[in-house]
Amino acid sequence: MKKFALLGLAGYIAPRHLKAIKDTGNELVAALDKFDSVGVMDSYFPDADFFTEYERFDRHIAKIKRESDDSLDYISICTPNYLHDSHIRMALRSGVNAICEKPLVLNPWNVEALKDIEKETGKRVFTILQLRLHPAIIELKKKIDSSEKDKVFDVDLTYITSRGSWYYASWKGEDDKSGGIASNIGIHFFDMLMWIFGGVEENIVYQRSHDRASGYLKLKKARVKWFLSINSEVLPEQYKEQRTYRSITVDGEEVEFSGGFTDLHTHSYKHILEGDGFGLDDALPSIELAYEIRNKELTKPDKNSHKFISKEQRKHPFKK
């Protein structure tokens, strides 16, 4: 049995980590969040210590390590994106492996610094790239890997996940804290696409605003038109009620992967515990791409732009 601590317990994604820790037969001994609406703990680890102040949590972790050097194995990090780098460093400096939600960090140079700290401490950083473990995505990768060497596929990625006005009032609505749309909701798709189709050869960004982003990627084995948004107004009519639309087509054929997400965090933890988790080198390409998308000069929509770019956007491409 491994012992875990967790940062960011009150957040949306934390219950998946709690479930993964429990389902893999391990124990949560301490958790932190500045918000105290964390009754979810009672369903998983009611005896775990809980803190609302980082300083007290940090002192508690030091106490645990002082009492027994082997008493804490992992710190799971579910905090806001801009805090990931700091919290990963805290875990490593405490002599504990880190498991961090995506995006692992917001800037590529943070990854290089974390590699140095891994070497200094002898501990590892792992991230959650759960789409690589989805059965339908694994099958797609096998299909692409077995295709003709020079074959280049036409891929269309559309992901719309509606968010209310709370989103813009939270840290997620601030690009310097969330990384913007590309990092906050798109980075695991970018990782998946590069994992399947190879590295980036060309990157064009047509659209980038507070509620959407769109562009074109030329990968080694794919031409990708992509569109991401949190605005329900751009949803196809038949999806307005469910408020989410996710679609990936490869050469016009839909890749069905709407199901199968329930236990992917648990599978991710199993891989990590078996010594086969995704580390810094795995996460770096998508971090580099998201950073470039966030900072790249916009291009006027053309034949390679996604069909969801509105007529108004095509007339006035640089209008927010």
Protein backbone atom coordinates (compact mmCIF):
# COMPACT_ATOMS: atom_id res chain seq x y z
CA MET A 1 0.00 0.00 0.00
CA LYS A 2 1.33 3.41 -1.05
CA LYS A 3 0.54 6.58 0.88
CA PHE A 4 -0.66 9.72 -0.89
CA ALA A 5 -1.27 13.38 -0.15
CA LEU A 6 -3.39 15.57 -2.43
CA LEU A 7 -3.37 19.27 -3.29
CA GLY A 8 -6.57 20.86 -4.64
CA LEU A 9 -9.19 18.64 -3.03
CA ALA A 10 -12.19 20.93 -3.64
CA GLY A 11 -11.63 21.11 -7.41
CA TYR A 12 -13.59 19.45 -10.21
CA ILE A 13 -11.01 16.80 -11.03
CA ALA A 14 -10.01 15.75 -7.49
CA PRO A 15 -12.71 13.04 -7.08
CA ARG A 16 -11.22 11.13 -10.03
CA HIS A 17 -7.88 11.10 -8.22
CA LEU A 18 -9.51 10.05 -4.94
CA LYS A 19 -11.22 7.19 -6.75
CA ALA A 20 -7.96 6.19 -8.46
CA ILE A 21 -6.07 6.13 -5.16
CA LYS A 22 -8.77 4.01 -3.54
CA ASP A 23 -9.34 1.69 -6.51
CA THR A 24 -5.62 0.89 -6.70
CA GLY A 25 -5.63 -0.15 -3.03
CA ASN A 26 -3.73 2.81 -1.65
CA GLU A 27 -4.30 5.39 1.09
CA LEU A 28 -4.74 9.15 1.24
CA VAL A 29 -3.20 10.49 4.45
CA ALA A 30 -3.44 14.28 3.94
CA ALA A 31 -5.08 16.84 1.65
CA LEU A 32 -5.14 20.61 1.13
CA ASP A 33 -7.52 23.16 -0.31
CA LYS A 34 -8.20 26.75 0.70
CA PHE A 35 -11.89 25.96 0.26
CA ASP A 36 -13.43 23.66 2.86
CA SER A 37 -16.31 22.21 0.80
CA VAL A 38 -14.64 18.80 0.73
CA GLY A 39 -17.26 16.40 2.03
CA VAL A 40 -16.34 14.15 -0.90
CA MET A 41 -13.49 12.91 1.31
CA ASP A 42 -15.97 10.97 3.44
CA SER A 43 -16.79 8.72 0.49
CA TYR A 44 -13.15 7.76 0.03
CA PHE A 45 -10.79 8.60 2.90
CA PRO A 46 -12.69 9.98 5.91
CA ASP A 47 -9.67 9.61 8.20
CA ALA A 48 -7.27 11.67 6.07
CA ASP A 49 -5.97 14.91 7.59
CA PHE A 50 -7.24 18.06 5.89
CA PHE A 51 -5.76 21.56 5.77
CA THR A 52 -6.92 24.89 4.38
CA GLU A 53 -3.54 26.62 4.78
CA TYR A 54 -0.56 25.67 2.63
CA GLU A 55 1.94 26.39 5.42
CA ARG A 56 0.27 23.93 7.80
CA PHE A 57 0.02 21.31 5.09
CA ASP A 58 3.71 21.76 4.23
CA ARG A 59 4.65 21.43 7.91
CA HIS A 60 2.52 18.28 8.20
CA ILE A 61 4.22 16.69 5.18
CA ALA A 62 7.63 17.50 6.69
CA LYS A 63 6.52 15.93 9.97
CA ILE A 64 5.38 12.75 8.22
CA LYS A 65 8.68 12.44 6.40
CA ARG A 66 10.65 13.15 9.57
CA GLU A 67 8.84 10.44 11.52
CA SER A 68 9.32 7.82 8.81
CA ASP A 69 11.23 8.32 5.57
CA ASP A 70 9.04 5.81 3.72
CA SER A 71 5.68 7.03 5.00
CA LEU A 72 4.67 9.20 2.01
CA ASP A 73 5.10 8.05 -1.58
CA TYR A 74 3.14 10.42 -3.86
CA ILE A 75 1.59 13.87 -3.84
CA SER A 76 -1.28 14.24 -6.32
CA ILE A 77 -1.70 17.78 -7.67
CA CYS A 78 -5.14 19.02 -8.76
CA THR A 79 -4.61 22.73 -8.19
CA PRO A 80 -5.06 25.58 -10.74
CA ASN A 81 -2.75 25.30 -13.74
CA TYR A 82 -0.45 28.18 -12.86
CA LEU A 83 0.37 26.60 -9.47
CA HIS A 84 1.39 23.20 -10.85
CA ASP A 85 5.06 24.07 -11.27
CA SER A 86 5.39 25.34 -7.70
CA HIS A 87 3.51 22.40 -6.20
CA ILE A 88 5.49 19.83 -8.19
CA ARG A 89 8.69 21.42 -6.89
CA MET A 90 7.32 21.25 -3.35
CA ALA A 91 6.61 17.54 -3.74
CA LEU A 92 10.07 16.75 -5.14
CA ARG A 93 11.84 18.86 -2.52
CA SER A 94 9.88 16.95 0.13
CA GLY A 95 11.31 13.71 -1.24
CA VAL A 96 7.99 12.58 -2.74
CA ASN A 97 6.99 11.65 -6.30
CA ALA A 98 4.45 13.98 -7.95
CA ILE A 99 1.36 13.06 -9.98
CA CYS A 100 0.04 16.21 -11.65
CA GLU A 101 -3.04 16.94 -13.71
CA LYS A 102 -2.62 18.41 -17.17
CA PRO A 103 -1.41 20.80 -18.26
CA LEU A 104 1.62 19.72 -16.29
CA VAL A 105 3.02 23.27 -16.54
CA LEU A 106 2.28 26.26 -18.77
CA ASN A 107 5.75 27.02 -20.13
CA PRO A 108 8.24 24.67 -21.82
CA TRP A 109 11.21 25.97 -19.80
CA ASN A 110 9.48 24.85 -16.60
CA VAL A 111 9.83 21.26 -17.81
CA GLU A 112 13.59 21.57 -18.20
CA ALA A 113 13.91 22.99 -14.68
CA LEU A 114 11.83 20.13 -13.28
CA LYS A 115 14.13 17.62 -14.98
CA ASP A 116 17.02 19.11 -13.02
CA ILE A 117 15.09 18.81 -9.75
CA GLU A 118 14.23 15.19 -10.55
CA LYS A 119 17.95 14.48 -10.88
CA GLU A 120 18.73 16.33 -7.65
CA THR A 121 16.05 14.58 -5.58
CA GLY A 122 15.85 11.17 -7.23
CA LYS A 123 12.04 11.51 -7.39
CA ARG A 124 9.77 11.49 -10.44
CA VAL A 125 7.11 13.69 -11.97
CA PHE A 126 4.14 11.97 -13.62
CA THR A 127 1.21 13.46 -15.49
CA ILE A 128 -2.25 12.31 -16.53
CA LEU A 129 -2.49 11.77 -20.30
CA GLN A 130 -5.56 9.58 -20.11
CA LEU A 131 -6.51 9.69 -23.79
CA ARG A 132 -3.44 7.56 -24.53
CA LEU A 133 -5.13 4.84 -22.46
CA HIS A 134 -8.56 5.05 -24.11
CA PRO A 135 -9.27 1.80 -26.03
CA ALA A 136 -10.61 3.59 -29.12
CA ILE A 137 -7.58 5.89 -29.27
CA ILE A 138 -5.20 2.95 -28.85
CA GLU A 139 -6.90 1.19 -31.75
CA LEU A 140 -6.65 4.32 -33.88
CA LYS A 141 -2.91 4.56 -33.16
CA LYS A 142 -2.44 0.93 -34.20
CA LYS A 143 -4.29 1.65 -37.44
CA ILE A 144 -2.17 4.71 -38.21
CA ASP A 145 1.08 2.95 -37.28
CA SER A 146 0.27 0.12 -39.71
CA SER A 147 -0.67 2.44 -42.59
CA GLU A 148 1.53 3.19 -45.59
CA LYS A 149 4.72 5.00 -44.61
CA ASP A 150 3.99 8.16 -46.63
CA LYS A 151 0.24 8.26 -45.98
CA VAL A 152 -1.00 11.61 -44.60
CA PHE A 153 -4.48 11.67 -43.05
CA ASP A 154 -7.03 14.49 -42.98
CA VAL A 155 -8.18 15.05 -39.40
CA ASP A 156 -10.93 17.28 -38.06
CA LEU A 157 -11.03 17.95 -34.30
CA THR A 158 -13.97 19.77 -32.74
CA TYR A 159 -14.40 20.13 -28.98
CA ILE A 160 -17.04 22.41 -27.48
CA THR A 161 -17.66 22.15 -23.74
CA SER A 162 -20.03 24.89 -22.57
CA ARG A 163 -19.12 26.95 -19.53
CA GLY A 164 -21.18 29.54 -17.67
CA SER A 165 -20.22 33.04 -16.57
CA TRP A 166 -18.49 31.62 -13.47
CA TYR A 167 -15.68 30.46 -15.77
CA TYR A 168 -14.60 34.02 -16.58
CA ALA A 169 -14.68 35.06 -12.91
CA SER A 170 -12.43 32.16 -11.93
CA TRP A 171 -8.73 31.57 -12.56
CA LYS A 172 -9.74 29.62 -15.68
CA GLY A 173 -10.76 32.85 -17.39
CA GLU A 174 -7.29 34.38 -16.96
CA ASP A 175 -4.81 33.30 -19.63
CA ASP A 176 -1.78 33.82 -17.40
CA LYS A 177 -3.28 31.39 -14.88
CA SER A 178 -5.00 28.81 -17.09
CA GLY A 179 -2.95 29.11 -20.28
CA GLY A 180 -6.08 29.98 -22.23
CA ILE A 181 -8.40 27.69 -24.18
CA ALA A 182 -5.61 25.72 -25.87
CA SER A 183 -4.00 24.72 -22.57
CA ASN A 184 -7.07 24.47 -20.40
CA ILE A 185 -9.34 22.30 -22.54
CA GLY A 186 -7.24 21.35 -25.54
CA ILE A 187 -3.88 20.14 -24.35
CA HIS A 188 -4.83 16.47 -23.93
CA PHE A 189 -6.21 16.44 -27.49
CA PHE A 190 -3.00 17.95 -28.82
CA ASP A 191 -1.00 15.34 -26.93
CA MET A 192 -3.19 12.58 -28.33
CA LEU A 193 -2.87 13.85 -31.92
CA MET A 194 0.92 14.08 -31.77
CA TRP A 195 1.14 10.68 -30.06
CA ILE A 196 -0.77 9.13 -32.96
CA PHE A 197 0.28 11.19 -35.99
CA GLY A 198 3.76 12.44 -35.08
CA GLY A 199 5.39 15.78 -34.41
CA VAL A 200 4.43 19.27 -35.61
CA GLU A 201 5.73 20.45 -38.98
CA GLU A 202 3.48 23.50 -39.34
CA ASN A 203 1.29 25.39 -36.87
CA ILE A 204 -1.21 28.08 -37.94
CA VAL A 205 -3.56 29.86 -35.53
CA TYR A 206 -6.65 31.52 -37.01
CA GLN A 207 -8.62 32.34 -33.92
CA ARG A 208 -7.79 32.95 -30.26
CA SER A 209 -10.10 34.69 -27.82
CA HIS A 210 -11.53 34.30 -24.33
CA ASP A 211 -14.00 31.61 -25.39
CA ARG A 212 -12.57 29.87 -28.47
CA ALA A 213 -9.46 28.99 -30.42
CA SER A 214 -8.93 27.44 -33.82
CA GLY A 215 -6.10 26.54 -36.12
CA TYR A 216 -4.36 24.14 -38.47
CA LEU A 217 -1.59 21.66 -37.71
CA LYS A 218 0.55 19.79 -40.18
CA LEU A 219 1.80 16.75 -38.34
CA LYS A 220 4.09 14.07 -39.70
CA LYS A 221 1.13 11.91 -40.76
CA ALA A 222 -1.86 14.27 -40.58
CA ARG A 223 -3.36 17.56 -41.66
CA VAL A 224 -5.44 18.72 -38.70
CA LYS A 225 -8.17 21.37 -38.66
CA TRP A 226 -9.07 22.06 -35.03
CA PHE A 227 -11.64 24.12 -33.15
CA LEU A 228 -12.06 24.50 -29.38
CA SER A 229 -14.68 26.53 -27.54
CA ILE A 230 -16.48 26.98 -24.22
CA ASN A 231 -19.31 29.03 -25.79
CA SER A 232 -22.61 27.17 -26.15
CA GLU A 233 -23.68 29.48 -28.98
CA VAL A 234 -21.37 27.66 -31.42
CA LEU A 235 -22.82 24.22 -30.63
CA PRO A 236 -24.61 22.37 -33.46
CA GLU A 237 -28.35 22.68 -32.87
CA GLN A 238 -28.86 19.03 -31.93
CA TYR A 239 -26.27 19.33 -29.14
CA LYS A 240 -27.57 22.52 -27.54
CA GLU A 241 -29.36 20.69 -24.76
CA GLN A 242 -26.48 18.46 -23.69
CA ARG A 243 -24.09 21.45 -23.99
CA THR A 244 -21.10 19.42 -25.12
CA TYR A 245 -19.89 18.33 -28.54
CA ARG A 246 -16.76 16.27 -29.16
CA SER A 247 -15.81 14.97 -32.58
CA ILE A 248 -12.71 13.62 -34.27
CA THR A 249 -12.83 12.47 -37.86
CA VAL A 250 -9.99 10.80 -39.76
CA ASP A 251 -10.37 10.91 -43.54
CA GLY A 252 -14.06 11.69 -42.99
CA GLU A 253 -14.67 8.73 -40.68
CA GLU A 254 -15.81 9.49 -37.14
CA VAL A 255 -13.68 8.13 -34.30
CA GLU A 256 -16.14 7.08 -31.61
CA PHE A 257 -14.68 7.65 -28.18
CA SER A 258 -17.51 9.33 -26.26
CA GLY A 259 -17.59 6.48 -23.75
CA GLY A 260 -14.86 4.72 -21.84
CA PHE A 261 -13.71 7.72 -19.79
CA THR A 262 -14.94 6.58 -16.37
CA ASP A 263 -11.85 4.72 -15.19
CA LEU A 264 -9.06 6.33 -17.19
CA HIS A 265 -7.59 8.07 -14.14
CA THR A 266 -7.54 4.74 -12.32
CA HIS A 267 -5.75 3.18 -15.29
CA SER A 268 -3.31 6.09 -15.27
CA TYR A 269 -2.51 5.47 -11.60
CA LYS A 270 -2.04 1.75 -12.24
CA HIS A 271 0.51 2.55 -14.95
CA ILE A 272 2.35 4.93 -12.63
CA LEU A 273 2.41 2.44 -9.76
CA GLU A 274 3.69 -0.24 -12.12
CA GLY A 275 6.57 2.05 -13.16
CA ASP A 276 5.14 2.85 -16.58
CA GLY A 277 3.61 6.30 -16.11
CA PHE A 278 3.89 9.32 -18.40
CA GLY A 279 6.66 11.69 -17.37
CA LEU A 280 8.16 15.05 -18.28
CA ASP A 281 9.40 14.02 -21.73
CA ASP A 282 5.94 12.70 -22.62
CA ALA A 283 4.27 15.94 -21.59
CA LEU A 284 6.72 18.38 -23.21
CA PRO A 285 5.55 18.33 -26.88
CA SER A 286 1.96 19.33 -26.08
CA ILE A 287 3.17 21.99 -23.62
CA GLU A 288 5.40 23.46 -26.34
CA LEU A 289 2.53 23.42 -28.84
CA ALA A 290 0.01 25.03 -26.47
CA TYR A 291 2.54 27.72 -25.56
CA GLU A 292 3.13 28.47 -29.25
CA ILE A 293 -0.61 28.61 -29.97
CA ARG A 294 -1.04 31.02 -27.06
CA ASN A 295 1.63 33.38 -28.37
CA LYS A 296 1.59 32.94 -32.14
CA GLU A 297 0.50 35.73 -34.49
CA LEU A 298 -2.94 35.10 -35.95
CA THR A 299 -3.45 34.23 -39.63
CA LYS A 300 -6.45 35.12 -41.77
CA PRO A 301 -8.77 32.09 -42.25
CA ASP A 302 -8.16 30.17 -45.47
CA LYS A 303 -8.86 26.78 -47.05
CA ASN A 304 -7.25 25.01 -44.08
CA SER A 305 -9.40 26.68 -41.43
CA HIS A 306 -12.08 24.80 -39.53
CA LYS A 307 -15.69 24.98 -40.75
CA PHE A 308 -16.85 26.26 -37.33
CA ILE A 309 -15.11 29.59 -37.83
CA SER A 310 -18.05 31.94 -38.34
CA LYS A 311 -18.74 34.05 -41.42
CA GLU A 312 -18.17 37.12 -39.26
CA GLN A 313 -14.77 35.82 -38.23
CA ARG A 314 -13.83 35.21 -41.85
CA LYS A 315 -14.80 38.79 -42.74
CA HIS A 316 -12.98 40.26 -39.72
CA PRO A 317 -10.36 37.65 -38.81
CA PHE A 318 -8.56 39.63 -36.11
CA LYS A 319 -11.67 40.81 -34.30
CA LYS A 320 -11.96 39.39 -30.77
